[in-house]
Amino acid sequence: MQWLKSFKIALIEENEKKLKELIETIPAFENIDEMKEAFALISQAILMLKEKREKIKKDINKLNKAKAFLTSYSFKSSYEIFS
């Protein structure tokens, strides 16, 4: 089935936009095996998206820490100059 092939490719490429489009157009499957395969692929896509979300959270946290450090360093330097 073409939908399954397209979903596999989108999953391998981590193409979130294509995965979303495919999920929105899930076809009627011809047999239970195709349905099971689609379920497994969708489960993998969900796992991939959760992992990406966690990585983004960690990256944002790192950026916030760097910002706080730079802000405190900047204030200390400015204070020292004017003292």
C-alpha atoms as a PDB file:
ATOM      1  CA  MET A   1       0.000   0.000   0.000  1.00  0.00           C
ATOM      2  CA  GLN A   2       1.375   3.394  -0.992  1.00  0.00           C
ATOM      3  CA  TRP A   3       0.319   5.090   2.266  1.00  0.00           C
ATOM      4  CA  LEU A   4       2.468   2.720   4.313  1.00  0.00           C
ATOM      5  CA  LYS A   5       5.459   3.241   2.027  1.00  0.00           C
ATOM      6  CA  SER A   6       5.063   7.017   2.209  1.00  0.00           C
ATOM      7  CA  PHE A   7       4.746   6.896   5.989  1.00  0.00           C
ATOM      8  CA  LYS A   8       7.892   4.776   6.308  1.00  0.00           C
ATOM      9  CA  ILE A   9       9.848   7.236   4.181  1.00  0.00           C
ATOM     10  CA  ALA A  10       8.556  10.224   6.139  1.00  0.00           C
ATOM     11  CA  LEU A  11       9.442   8.473   9.391  1.00  0.00           C
ATOM     12  CA  ILE A  12      12.975   7.637   8.234  1.00  0.00           C
ATOM     13  CA  GLU A  13      13.453  11.221   7.043  1.00  0.00           C
ATOM     14  CA  GLU A  14      11.873  12.531  10.273  1.00  0.00           C
ATOM     15  CA  ASN A  15       9.661  14.700   8.084  1.00  0.00           C
ATOM     16  CA  GLU A  16       7.132  15.947  10.627  1.00  0.00           C
ATOM     17  CA  LYS A  17       5.059  17.858   8.096  1.00  0.00           C
ATOM     18  CA  LYS A  18       4.629  14.814   5.856  1.00  0.00           C
ATOM     19  CA  LEU A  19       3.846  12.571   8.846  1.00  0.00           C
ATOM     20  CA  LYS A  20       1.118  14.975   9.922  1.00  0.00           C
ATOM     21  CA  GLU A  21      -0.360  15.018   6.411  1.00  0.00           C
ATOM     22  CA  LEU A  22      -0.340  11.232   6.235  1.00  0.00           C
ATOM     23  CA  ILE A  23      -1.924  10.823   9.665  1.00  0.00           C
ATOM     24  CA  GLU A  24      -4.681  13.220   8.631  1.00  0.00           C
ATOM     25  CA  THR A  25      -5.394  11.046   5.572  1.00  0.00           C
ATOM     26  CA  ILE A  26      -5.263   7.528   7.005  1.00  0.00           C
ATOM     27  CA  PRO A  27      -6.939   5.258   4.478  1.00  0.00           C
ATOM     28  CA  ALA A  28      -9.153   2.259   5.057  1.00  0.00           C
ATOM     29  CA  PHE A  29      -6.755  -0.658   5.246  1.00  0.00           C
ATOM     30  CA  GLU A  30      -7.285  -3.765   3.161  1.00  0.00           C
ATOM     31  CA  ASN A  31      -6.385  -6.229   5.912  1.00  0.00           C
ATOM     32  CA  ILE A  32      -5.430  -6.539   9.545  1.00  0.00           C
ATOM     33  CA  ASP A  33      -1.704  -6.845   8.764  1.00  0.00           C
ATOM     34  CA  GLU A  34      -1.651  -3.423   7.104  1.00  0.00           C
ATOM     35  CA  MET A  35      -3.557  -1.996  10.060  1.00  0.00           C
ATOM     36  CA  LYS A  36      -1.045  -3.485  12.519  1.00  0.00           C
ATOM     37  CA  GLU A  37       1.853  -2.131  10.473  1.00  0.00           C
ATOM     38  CA  ALA A  38       0.286   1.339  10.400  1.00  0.00           C
ATOM     39  CA  PHE A  39      -0.252   1.188  14.157  1.00  0.00           C
ATOM     40  CA  ALA A  40       3.404   0.264  14.720  1.00  0.00           C
ATOM     41  CA  LEU A  41       4.623   3.032  12.407  1.00  0.00           C
ATOM     42  CA  ILE A  42       2.407   5.640  14.060  1.00  0.00           C
ATOM     43  CA  SER A  43       3.688   4.488  17.458  1.00  0.00           C
ATOM     44  CA  GLN A  44       7.258   4.978  16.234  1.00  0.00           C
ATOM     45  CA  ALA A  45       6.377   8.439  14.944  1.00  0.00           C
ATOM     46  CA  ILE A  46       4.901   9.380  18.318  1.00  0.00           C
ATOM     47  CA  LEU A  47       8.051   8.160  20.065  1.00  0.00           C
ATOM     48  CA  MET A  48      10.251  10.141  17.668  1.00  0.00           C
ATOM     49  CA  LEU A  49       8.234  13.319  18.263  1.00  0.00           C
ATOM     50  CA  LYS A  50       8.377  12.862  22.047  1.00  0.00           C
ATOM     51  CA  GLU A  51      12.157  12.434  21.873  1.00  0.00           C
ATOM     52  CA  LYS A  52      12.465  15.576  19.742  1.00  0.00           C
ATOM     53  CA  ARG A  53      10.275  17.478  22.190  1.00  0.00           C
ATOM     54  CA  GLU A  54      12.495  16.413  25.114  1.00  0.00           C
ATOM     55  CA  LYS A  55      15.615  17.471  23.223  1.00  0.00           C
ATOM     56  CA  ILE A  56      14.070  20.863  22.488  1.00  0.00           C
ATOM     57  CA  LYS A  57      13.165  21.269  26.180  1.00  0.00           C
ATOM     58  CA  LYS A  58      16.769  20.505  27.157  1.00  0.00           C
ATOM     59  CA  ASP A  59      18.107  22.924  24.538  1.00  0.00           C
ATOM     60  CA  ILE A  60      15.783  25.690  25.750  1.00  0.00           C
ATOM     61  CA  ASN A  61      16.884  25.048  29.332  1.00  0.00           C
ATOM     62  CA  LYS A  62      20.552  25.316  28.297  1.00  0.00           C
ATOM     63  CA  LEU A  63      19.854  28.553  26.428  1.00  0.00           C
ATOM     64  CA  ASN A  64      18.031  30.008  29.425  1.00  0.00           C
ATOM     65  CA  LYS A  65      20.959  29.128  31.696  1.00  0.00           C
ATOM     66  CA  ALA A  66      23.401  30.719  29.262  1.00  0.00           C
ATOM     67  CA  LYS A  67      21.211  33.815  29.055  1.00  0.00           C
ATOM     68  CA  ALA A  68      21.023  34.071  32.849  1.00  0.00           C
ATOM     69  CA  PHE A  69      24.794  33.685  33.122  1.00  0.00           C
ATOM     70  CA  LEU A  70      25.451  36.319  30.474  1.00  0.00           C
ATOM     71  CA  THR A  71      22.923  38.672  32.021  1.00  0.00           C
ATOM     72  CA  SER A  72      24.483  38.366  35.481  1.00  0.00           C
ATOM     73  CA  TYR A  73      27.979  38.741  34.024  1.00  0.00           C
ATOM     74  CA  SER A  74      26.894  41.803  32.067  1.00  0.00           C
ATOM     75  CA  PHE A  75      25.398  43.452  35.156  1.00  0.00           C
ATOM     76  CA  LYS A  76      28.496  42.716  37.228  1.00  0.00           C
ATOM     77  CA  SER A  77      30.771  44.170  34.579  1.00  0.00           C
ATOM     78  CA  SER A  78      28.632  47.290  34.223  1.00  0.00           C
ATOM     79  CA  TYR A  79      28.490  47.707  38.011  1.00  0.00           C
ATOM     80  CA  GLU A  80      32.243  47.323  38.335  1.00  0.00           C
ATOM     81  CA  ILE A  81      32.847  49.943  35.647  1.00  0.00           C
ATOM     82  CA  PHE A  82      30.659  52.527  37.349  1.00  0.00           C
ATOM     83  CA  SER A  83      31.990  51.877  40.870  1.00  0.00           C
END
